Protein backbone atom coordinates (compact mmCIF):
# COMPACT_ATOMS: atom_id res chain seq x y z
CA MET A 1 37.36 13.07 -35.81
CA GLN A 2 41.10 13.42 -35.33
CA VAL A 3 43.69 15.64 -37.00
CA SER A 4 46.04 13.62 -39.21
CA VAL A 5 49.52 15.15 -38.99
CA GLU A 6 50.64 13.01 -41.92
CA ARG A 7 47.71 14.20 -44.06
CA VAL A 8 48.51 17.84 -43.25
CA LYS A 9 52.19 17.26 -44.08
CA GLN A 10 51.19 15.60 -47.36
CA LEU A 11 49.00 18.58 -48.26
CA CYS A 12 51.92 20.89 -47.45
CA ARG A 13 54.23 18.90 -49.77
CA GLU A 14 51.63 19.04 -52.55
CA ARG A 15 51.56 22.82 -52.21
CA GLY A 16 55.34 23.12 -52.04
CA THR A 17 55.53 24.33 -48.45
CA THR A 18 56.57 23.00 -45.08
CA LEU A 19 54.49 22.42 -41.98
CA THR A 20 56.55 25.05 -40.15
CA SER A 21 55.88 27.72 -42.76
CA LEU A 22 52.20 26.75 -42.94
CA LEU A 23 51.79 27.12 -39.18
CA ALA A 24 53.65 30.44 -39.19
CA ALA A 25 51.46 31.79 -42.00
CA ALA A 26 48.32 30.56 -40.23
CA GLY A 27 49.42 32.09 -36.93
CA VAL A 28 49.25 28.72 -35.16
CA SER A 29 52.00 27.62 -32.81
CA ARG A 30 53.59 24.19 -33.18
CA ASN A 31 52.55 23.42 -29.60
CA ALA A 32 48.91 24.25 -30.33
CA PHE A 33 48.92 22.19 -33.54
CA TYR A 34 50.50 19.11 -31.98
CA SER A 35 48.29 19.43 -28.91
CA LEU A 36 45.26 19.34 -31.20
CA ALA A 37 46.73 16.42 -33.15
CA ARG A 38 47.23 14.36 -29.96
CA ARG A 39 43.57 14.58 -29.02
CA ASP A 40 41.34 11.61 -29.69
CA SER A 41 38.77 13.99 -31.12
CA ILE A 42 38.80 17.63 -32.14
CA TYR A 43 35.21 17.90 -30.97
CA PRO A 44 34.46 18.92 -27.38
CA ARG A 45 33.78 15.98 -25.05
CA SER A 46 30.30 17.28 -24.28
CA LEU A 47 29.35 17.26 -27.96
CA CYS A 48 30.74 13.73 -28.35
CA ALA A 49 28.76 12.54 -25.33
CA VAL A 50 25.49 14.03 -26.60
CA CYS A 51 26.04 12.61 -30.08
CA ALA A 52 27.01 9.18 -28.73
CA ARG A 53 23.75 9.15 -26.77
CA LEU A 54 21.88 10.03 -29.97
CA GLY A 55 23.84 7.44 -31.93
CA ILE A 56 25.13 9.94 -34.47
CA SER A 57 28.49 11.31 -35.56
CA PRO A 58 29.42 14.70 -34.03
CA ASP A 59 29.64 16.33 -37.46
CA MET A 60 25.95 15.52 -37.97
CA ALA A 61 25.09 17.84 -35.07
CA LEU A 62 26.92 20.80 -36.58
CA SER A 63 25.22 23.27 -38.87
CA ALA A 64 26.65 24.78 -41.99
CA ASP A 65 25.52 28.26 -41.05
CA GLU A 66 26.45 30.45 -43.99
CA GLY A 67 25.91 33.59 -41.92
CA GLY A 68 28.42 32.33 -39.37
CA VAL A 69 30.93 31.48 -42.08
CA GLU A 70 30.58 34.92 -43.63
CA SER A 71 30.86 36.54 -40.21
CA MET A 72 34.09 34.65 -39.49
CA LYS A 73 35.48 35.52 -42.92
CA SER A 74 34.83 39.21 -42.32
CA LEU A 75 36.36 38.97 -38.85
CA LEU A 76 39.49 37.28 -40.22
CA ALA A 77 39.76 39.87 -42.99
CA GLU A 78 39.57 42.61 -40.37
CA VAL A 79 42.25 40.85 -38.30
CA GLU A 80 44.53 40.59 -41.34
CA ALA A 81 44.04 44.28 -42.11
CA ILE A 82 45.07 45.22 -38.57
CA VAL A 83 48.02 42.83 -38.54
CA GLY A 84 49.04 44.16 -41.97
CA ARG A 85 49.35 47.66 -40.54
CA ASP A 86 51.41 46.57 -37.54
CA LYS A 87 53.29 43.26 -37.70
CA ARG A 88 54.08 43.40 -33.95
CA VAL A 89 50.51 42.67 -32.87
CA ASP A 90 49.39 39.15 -32.06
CA ARG A 91 46.68 37.78 -34.39
CA ASP A 92 44.96 35.87 -31.60
CA ASN A 93 44.77 38.93 -29.38
CA VAL A 94 43.34 41.04 -32.20
CA ARG A 95 40.77 38.35 -33.08
CA HIS A 96 39.77 37.99 -29.44
CA ALA A 97 39.42 41.75 -28.98
CA LEU A 98 37.28 42.06 -32.11
CA LEU A 99 35.07 39.19 -30.97
CA LEU A 100 34.59 40.88 -27.61
CA LEU A 101 33.72 44.17 -29.29
CA ARG A 102 30.92 42.41 -31.18
CA GLU A 103 29.24 41.51 -27.88
CA LYS A 104 26.98 43.80 -25.91
CA PRO A 105 28.95 45.66 -23.23
CA ILE A 106 26.63 44.38 -20.48
CA ASP A 107 27.31 40.77 -21.51
CA ARG A 108 31.08 41.36 -21.42
CA LEU A 109 30.74 42.97 -17.99
CA ARG A 110 28.65 40.09 -16.61
CA ARG A 111 31.18 37.51 -17.83
CA ALA A 112 34.05 39.50 -16.33
CA LEU A 113 32.26 39.73 -12.98
CA VAL A 114 31.62 35.98 -12.94
CA ARG A 115 35.26 35.33 -13.77
CA ALA A 116 36.39 37.73 -11.04
CA GLN A 117 34.40 35.79 -8.42
CA LYS A 118 36.16 32.51 -9.18
CA PRO A 119 39.04 31.65 -6.86
CA ASP A 120 42.51 32.07 -8.28
CA ILE A 121 43.68 28.62 -9.40
CA ARG A 122 47.35 29.57 -9.61
């Protein structure tokens, strides 16, 4: 599955907005959007490989977990509330911080220790 830039632009026109204003309102950079649009598939390669081996479409392997959808909606509402109080904060940073706070502290610590052991690639 690939992102259709033309389809997104058409939807913007139908709603009386521009792609630029849509991306700004969504908190998505133009670079991120066009990077996603250039990909052959928006699914991870590993998922595509597994599904190809099974002979199914990647979307058939995804679940429509209502609990996950509700969890994400509440997270995004919380992000918007924080951003609404202080416009200087970055939505992605707030979302990431809130996601981390939902994890057990020991799991966050373990992941940080693993990351710290990796050699610096810069």
